[in-house]
Amino acid sequence: MSLGERLDAHRMRFEATADPKILGVLHRATEDLHRSGILERVVRVGDRAPDFALPDSRERIMRLSDAITRGPVVLSFYRGHW
């Protein structure tokens, strides 16, 4: 099963049991993102990322350029509040 298929199955299981009010909020937020045009500005597979430095979970500054020298890097982008 591909990752996309697994994610679709997970979404369907979640939506089958989630509170309809919560689903409404999630669906409206997703539609708002689509309408904002953000999808035309997102980083795509194969795009070259600019170098940057950010603190890791232990507050140590990590640079993308340093991490790449040790091997492949996977970047995850989270949009929202913590």
C-alpha atoms as a PDB file:
ATOM      1  CA  MET A   1       0.000   0.000   0.000  1.00  0.00           C
ATOM      2  CA  SER A   2       1.427   3.396  -0.981  1.00  0.00           C
ATOM      3  CA  LEU A   3       1.784   6.250   1.481  1.00  0.00           C
ATOM      4  CA  GLY A   4      -1.033   8.101  -0.291  1.00  0.00           C
ATOM      5  CA  GLU A   5      -3.330   5.098   0.047  1.00  0.00           C
ATOM      6  CA  ARG A   6      -2.449   4.730   3.716  1.00  0.00           C
ATOM      7  CA  LEU A   7      -3.119   8.424   4.354  1.00  0.00           C
ATOM      8  CA  ASP A   8      -6.460   8.223   2.524  1.00  0.00           C
ATOM      9  CA  ALA A   9      -7.463   5.196   4.613  1.00  0.00           C
ATOM     10  CA  HIS A  10      -6.462   6.974   7.822  1.00  0.00           C
ATOM     11  CA  ARG A  11      -8.454  10.080   6.830  1.00  0.00           C
ATOM     12  CA  MET A  12     -11.532   7.988   6.037  1.00  0.00           C
ATOM     13  CA  ARG A  13     -11.326   6.183   9.413  1.00  0.00           C
ATOM     14  CA  PHE A  14     -10.928   9.502  11.225  1.00  0.00           C
ATOM     15  CA  GLU A  15     -13.822  11.138   9.380  1.00  0.00           C
ATOM     16  CA  ALA A  16     -16.084   8.154  10.072  1.00  0.00           C
ATOM     17  CA  THR A  17     -15.759   8.668  13.832  1.00  0.00           C
ATOM     18  CA  ALA A  18     -14.973  12.387  14.282  1.00  0.00           C
ATOM     19  CA  ASP A  19     -17.402  14.909  15.710  1.00  0.00           C
ATOM     20  CA  PRO A  20     -19.200  16.579  12.759  1.00  0.00           C
ATOM     21  CA  LYS A  21     -18.533  20.030  14.253  1.00  0.00           C
ATOM     22  CA  ILE A  22     -14.800  19.346  14.284  1.00  0.00           C
ATOM     23  CA  LEU A  23     -14.938  17.979  10.751  1.00  0.00           C
ATOM     24  CA  GLY A  24     -16.702  21.140   9.626  1.00  0.00           C
ATOM     25  CA  VAL A  25     -13.948  23.303  11.106  1.00  0.00           C
ATOM     26  CA  LEU A  26     -11.233  21.148   9.511  1.00  0.00           C
ATOM     27  CA  HIS A  27     -12.903  21.162   6.102  1.00  0.00           C
ATOM     28  CA  ARG A  28     -13.449  24.939   6.194  1.00  0.00           C
ATOM     29  CA  ALA A  29      -9.813  25.509   7.170  1.00  0.00           C
ATOM     30  CA  THR A  30      -8.672  23.282   4.304  1.00  0.00           C
ATOM     31  CA  GLU A  31     -10.874  25.156   1.840  1.00  0.00           C
ATOM     32  CA  ASP A  32      -9.549  28.481   3.161  1.00  0.00           C
ATOM     33  CA  LEU A  33      -6.001  27.278   2.474  1.00  0.00           C
ATOM     34  CA  HIS A  34      -6.929  26.213  -1.058  1.00  0.00           C
ATOM     35  CA  ARG A  35      -8.555  29.581  -1.764  1.00  0.00           C
ATOM     36  CA  SER A  36      -5.552  31.477  -0.346  1.00  0.00           C
ATOM     37  CA  GLY A  37      -3.332  30.330  -3.221  1.00  0.00           C
ATOM     38  CA  ILE A  38      -0.828  28.742  -0.866  1.00  0.00           C
ATOM     39  CA  LEU A  39      -0.599  25.614  -3.022  1.00  0.00           C
ATOM     40  CA  GLU A  40       1.073  27.638  -5.784  1.00  0.00           C
ATOM     41  CA  ARG A  41       3.802  28.730  -3.351  1.00  0.00           C
ATOM     42  CA  VAL A  42       4.631  25.483  -1.527  1.00  0.00           C
ATOM     43  CA  VAL A  43       7.973  23.724  -1.742  1.00  0.00           C
ATOM     44  CA  ARG A  44       7.754  20.776  -4.126  1.00  0.00           C
ATOM     45  CA  VAL A  45       9.602  17.476  -4.207  1.00  0.00           C
ATOM     46  CA  GLY A  46      12.984  18.112  -5.778  1.00  0.00           C
ATOM     47  CA  ASP A  47      13.074  21.846  -5.001  1.00  0.00           C
ATOM     48  CA  ARG A  48      16.363  23.072  -3.561  1.00  0.00           C
ATOM     49  CA  ALA A  49      15.920  24.430  -0.047  1.00  0.00           C
ATOM     50  CA  PRO A  50      17.816  27.550   0.999  1.00  0.00           C
ATOM     51  CA  ASP A  51      20.249  27.088   3.864  1.00  0.00           C
ATOM     52  CA  PHE A  52      18.821  28.001   7.261  1.00  0.00           C
ATOM     53  CA  ALA A  53      19.595  27.580  10.946  1.00  0.00           C
ATOM     54  CA  LEU A  54      17.053  26.751  13.636  1.00  0.00           C
ATOM     55  CA  PRO A  55      17.191  25.407  17.194  1.00  0.00           C
ATOM     56  CA  ASP A  56      16.571  21.685  17.602  1.00  0.00           C
ATOM     57  CA  SER A  57      14.595  20.106  20.453  1.00  0.00           C
ATOM     58  CA  ARG A  58      17.570  20.651  22.764  1.00  0.00           C
ATOM     59  CA  GLU A  59      17.966  24.314  21.730  1.00  0.00           C
ATOM     60  CA  ARG A  60      21.171  23.548  19.743  1.00  0.00           C
ATOM     61  CA  ILE A  61      21.403  25.540  16.524  1.00  0.00           C
ATOM     62  CA  MET A  62      21.249  23.216  13.515  1.00  0.00           C
ATOM     63  CA  ARG A  63      22.096  24.292   9.954  1.00  0.00           C
ATOM     64  CA  LEU A  64      20.635  22.542   6.939  1.00  0.00           C
ATOM     65  CA  SER A  65      23.999  22.706   5.175  1.00  0.00           C
ATOM     66  CA  ASP A  66      25.637  20.832   8.084  1.00  0.00           C
ATOM     67  CA  ALA A  67      22.945  18.161   8.183  1.00  0.00           C
ATOM     68  CA  ILE A  68      23.244  17.515   4.429  1.00  0.00           C
ATOM     69  CA  THR A  69      26.937  16.689   4.813  1.00  0.00           C
ATOM     70  CA  ARG A  70      25.935  13.727   7.009  1.00  0.00           C
ATOM     71  CA  GLY A  71      23.411  12.312   4.508  1.00  0.00           C
ATOM     72  CA  PRO A  72      19.894  12.819   3.157  1.00  0.00           C
ATOM     73  CA  VAL A  73      17.645  15.247   5.030  1.00  0.00           C
ATOM     74  CA  VAL A  74      13.880  15.100   5.413  1.00  0.00           C
ATOM     75  CA  LEU A  75      12.193  18.408   6.175  1.00  0.00           C
ATOM     76  CA  SER A  76       8.757  18.608   7.735  1.00  0.00           C
ATOM     77  CA  PHE A  77       6.828  21.853   7.666  1.00  0.00           C
ATOM     78  CA  TYR A  78       4.103  22.482  10.216  1.00  0.00           C
ATOM     79  CA  ARG A  79       1.629  25.288   9.778  1.00  0.00           C
ATOM     80  CA  GLY A  80      -0.220  26.282  12.881  1.00  0.00           C
ATOM     81  CA  HIS A  81       0.062  26.942  16.591  1.00  0.00           C
ATOM     82  CA  TRP A  82       1.715  24.787  19.222  1.00  0.00           C
END
